[in-house]
Amino acid sequence: MRLERLLTLHLLQNMMAVLIIFYSGSFFSVQKLIKSF
């Protein structure tokens, strides 16, 4: 595999991880808000 291909794959994986962390974090904050009501 070429280096560019590896870099793009790595970038995509990082973006996916960040998105998952962001969504799970927002989901937990929403749960906290619901519990506080």
PDB file of N, CA and C in Angstrom:
ATOM      1  N   MET A   1       0.841  -1.202   0.000  1.00  0.00           N
ATOM      2  CA  MET A   1       0.000   0.000   0.000  1.00  0.00           C
ATOM      3  C   MET A   1       0.877   1.253   0.000  1.00  0.00           C
ATOM      4  N   ARG A   2       0.367   2.276  -0.642  1.00  0.00           N
ATOM      5  CA  ARG A   2       1.118   3.528  -0.690  1.00  0.00           C
ATOM      6  C   ARG A   2       0.959   4.286   0.628  1.00  0.00           C
ATOM      7  N   LEU A   3       1.901   5.190   0.854  1.00  0.00           N
ATOM      8  CA  LEU A   3       1.890   5.952   2.106  1.00  0.00           C
ATOM      9  C   LEU A   3       0.663   6.859   2.183  1.00  0.00           C
ATOM     10  N   GLU A   4       0.298   7.479   1.059  1.00  0.00           N
ATOM     11  CA  GLU A   4      -0.872   8.368   1.050  1.00  0.00           C
ATOM     12  C   GLU A   4      -2.120   7.610   1.467  1.00  0.00           C
ATOM     13  N   ARG A   5      -2.242   6.391   0.925  1.00  0.00           N
ATOM     14  CA  ARG A   5      -3.425   5.578   1.244  1.00  0.00           C
ATOM     15  C   ARG A   5      -3.463   5.282   2.742  1.00  0.00           C
ATOM     16  N   LEU A   6      -2.313   4.946   3.315  1.00  0.00           N
ATOM     17  CA  LEU A   6      -2.257   4.656   4.751  1.00  0.00           C
ATOM     18  C   LEU A   6      -2.629   5.889   5.564  1.00  0.00           C
ATOM     19  N   LEU A   7      -2.120   7.043   5.134  1.00  0.00           N
ATOM     20  CA  LEU A   7      -2.410   8.273   5.873  1.00  0.00           C
ATOM     21  C   LEU A   7      -3.895   8.601   5.841  1.00  0.00           C
ATOM     22  N   THR A   8      -4.508   8.449   4.666  1.00  0.00           N
ATOM     23  CA  THR A   8      -5.935   8.758   4.575  1.00  0.00           C
ATOM     24  C   THR A   8      -6.743   7.793   5.435  1.00  0.00           C
ATOM     25  N   LEU A   9      -6.359   6.525   5.435  1.00  0.00           N
ATOM     26  CA  LEU A   9      -7.072   5.549   6.269  1.00  0.00           C
ATOM     27  C   LEU A   9      -6.935   5.923   7.737  1.00  0.00           C
ATOM     28  N   HIS A  10      -5.725   6.317   8.139  1.00  0.00           N
ATOM     29  CA  HIS A  10      -5.485   6.694   9.524  1.00  0.00           C
ATOM     30  C   HIS A  10      -6.337   7.910   9.890  1.00  0.00           C
ATOM     31  N   LEU A  11      -6.396   8.888   8.983  1.00  0.00           N
ATOM     32  CA  LEU A  11      -7.192  10.090   9.234  1.00  0.00           C
ATOM     33  C   LEU A  11      -8.659   9.742   9.387  1.00  0.00           C
ATOM     34  N   LEU A  12      -9.155   8.868   8.512  1.00  0.00           N
ATOM     35  CA  LEU A  12     -10.568   8.478   8.580  1.00  0.00           C
ATOM     36  C   LEU A  12     -10.865   7.789   9.908  1.00  0.00           C
ATOM     37  N   GLN A  13      -9.954   6.905  10.326  1.00  0.00           N
ATOM     38  CA  GLN A  13     -10.170   6.204  11.601  1.00  0.00           C
ATOM     39  C   GLN A  13     -10.185   7.198  12.755  1.00  0.00           C
ATOM     40  N   ASN A  14      -9.281   8.180  12.713  1.00  0.00           N
ATOM     41  CA  ASN A  14      -9.244   9.188  13.782  1.00  0.00           C
ATOM     42  C   ASN A  14     -10.538   9.988  13.815  1.00  0.00           C
ATOM     43  N   MET A  15     -11.021  10.376  12.639  1.00  0.00           N
ATOM     44  CA  MET A  15     -12.265  11.143  12.574  1.00  0.00           C
ATOM     45  C   MET A  15     -13.433  10.328  13.118  1.00  0.00           C
ATOM     46  N   MET A  16     -13.472   9.046  12.768  1.00  0.00           N
ATOM     47  CA  MET A  16     -14.553   8.188  13.261  1.00  0.00           C
ATOM     48  C   MET A  16     -14.489   8.096  14.788  1.00  0.00           C
ATOM     49  N   ALA A  17     -13.279   7.925  15.325  1.00  0.00           N
ATOM     50  CA  ALA A  17     -13.123   7.814  16.778  1.00  0.00           C
ATOM     51  C   ALA A  17     -13.587   9.102  17.457  1.00  0.00           C
ATOM     52  N   VAL A  18     -13.203  10.245  16.888  1.00  0.00           N
ATOM     53  CA  VAL A  18     -13.604  11.532  17.468  1.00  0.00           C
ATOM     54  C   VAL A  18     -15.121  11.685  17.429  1.00  0.00           C
ATOM     55  N   LEU A  19     -15.714  11.290  16.300  1.00  0.00           N
ATOM     56  CA  LEU A  19     -17.173  11.395  16.182  1.00  0.00           C
ATOM     57  C   LEU A  19     -17.855  10.516  17.213  1.00  0.00           C
ATOM     58  N   ILE A  20     -17.376   9.285  17.373  1.00  0.00           N
ATOM     59  CA  ILE A  20     -17.984   8.357  18.338  1.00  0.00           C
ATOM     60  C   ILE A  20     -17.864   8.922  19.749  1.00  0.00           C
ATOM     61  N   ILE A  21     -16.689   9.446  20.081  1.00  0.00           N
ATOM     62  CA  ILE A  21     -16.482  10.009  21.421  1.00  0.00           C
ATOM     63  C   ILE A  21     -17.405  11.202  21.631  1.00  0.00           C
ATOM     64  N   PHE A  22     -17.499  12.062  20.590  1.00  0.00           N
ATOM     65  CA  PHE A  22     -18.347  13.258  20.700  1.00  0.00           C
ATOM     66  C   PHE A  22     -19.803  12.861  20.903  1.00  0.00           C
ATOM     67  N   TYR A  23     -20.274  11.893  20.093  1.00  0.00           N
ATOM     68  CA  TYR A  23     -21.683  11.490  20.197  1.00  0.00           C
ATOM     69  C   TYR A  23     -21.972  10.820  21.530  1.00  0.00           C
ATOM     70  N   SER A  24     -21.065   9.954  21.990  1.00  0.00           N
ATOM     71  CA  SER A  24     -21.294   9.288  23.268  1.00  0.00           C
ATOM     72  C   SER A  24     -21.275  10.318  24.400  1.00  0.00           C
ATOM     73  N   GLY A  25     -20.383  11.309  24.299  1.00  0.00           N
ATOM     74  CA  GLY A  25     -20.313  12.345  25.322  1.00  0.00           C
ATOM     75  C   GLY A  25     -21.596  13.155  25.366  1.00  0.00           C
ATOM     76  N   SER A  26     -22.101  13.543  24.192  1.00  0.00           N
ATOM     77  CA  SER A  26     -23.333  14.331  24.150  1.00  0.00           C
ATOM     78  C   SER A  26     -24.500  13.479  24.637  1.00  0.00           C
ATOM     79  N   PHE A  27     -24.466  12.176  24.315  1.00  0.00           N
ATOM     80  CA  PHE A  27     -25.535  11.286  24.756  1.00  0.00           C
ATOM     81  C   PHE A  27     -25.558  11.207  26.285  1.00  0.00           C
ATOM     82  N   PHE A  28     -24.363  11.096  26.893  1.00  0.00           N
ATOM     83  CA  PHE A  28     -24.300  11.019  28.350  1.00  0.00           C
ATOM     84  C   PHE A  28     -24.779  12.319  28.983  1.00  0.00           C
ATOM     85  N   SER A  29     -24.424  13.455  28.385  1.00  0.00           N
ATOM     86  CA  SER A  29     -24.860  14.737  28.949  1.00  0.00           C
ATOM     87  C   SER A  29     -26.381  14.856  28.848  1.00  0.00           C
ATOM     88  N   VAL A  30     -26.950  14.348  27.752  1.00  0.00           N
ATOM     89  CA  VAL A  30     -28.406  14.382  27.602  1.00  0.00           C
ATOM     90  C   VAL A  30     -29.051  13.503  28.670  1.00  0.00           C
ATOM     91  N   GLN A  31     -28.455  12.337  28.923  1.00  0.00           N
ATOM     92  CA  GLN A  31     -29.004  11.456  29.964  1.00  0.00           C
ATOM     93  C   GLN A  31     -28.961  12.157  31.321  1.00  0.00           C
ATOM     94  N   LYS A  32     -27.852  12.869  31.586  1.00  0.00           N
ATOM     95  CA  LYS A  32     -27.743  13.589  32.858  1.00  0.00           C
ATOM     96  C   LYS A  32     -28.829  14.652  32.955  1.00  0.00           C
ATOM     97  N   LEU A  33     -29.073  15.350  31.839  1.00  0.00           N
ATOM     98  CA  LEU A  33     -30.109  16.385  31.839  1.00  0.00           C
ATOM     99  C   LEU A  33     -31.470  15.771  32.124  1.00  0.00           C
ATOM    100  N   ILE A  34     -31.742  14.617  31.504  1.00  0.00           N
ATOM    101  CA  ILE A  34     -33.042  13.965  31.708  1.00  0.00           C
ATOM    102  C   ILE A  34     -33.189  13.524  33.167  1.00  0.00           C
ATOM    103  N   LYS A  35     -32.091  13.007  33.743  1.00  0.00           N
ATOM    104  CA  LYS A  35     -32.164  12.545  35.133  1.00  0.00           C
ATOM    105  C   LYS A  35     -32.343  13.715  36.089  1.00  0.00           C
ATOM    106  N   SER A  36     -31.809  14.879  35.734  1.00  0.00           N
ATOM    107  CA  SER A  36     -31.912  16.028  36.643  1.00  0.00           C
ATOM    108  C   SER A  36     -33.333  16.587  36.669  1.00  0.00           C
ATOM    109  N   PHE A  37     -34.140  16.284  35.677  1.00  0.00           N
ATOM    110  CA  PHE A  37     -35.501  16.803  35.650  1.00  0.00           C
ATOM    111  C   PHE A  37     -36.401  16.094  36.654  1.00  0.00           C
TER     112      PHE A  37
END
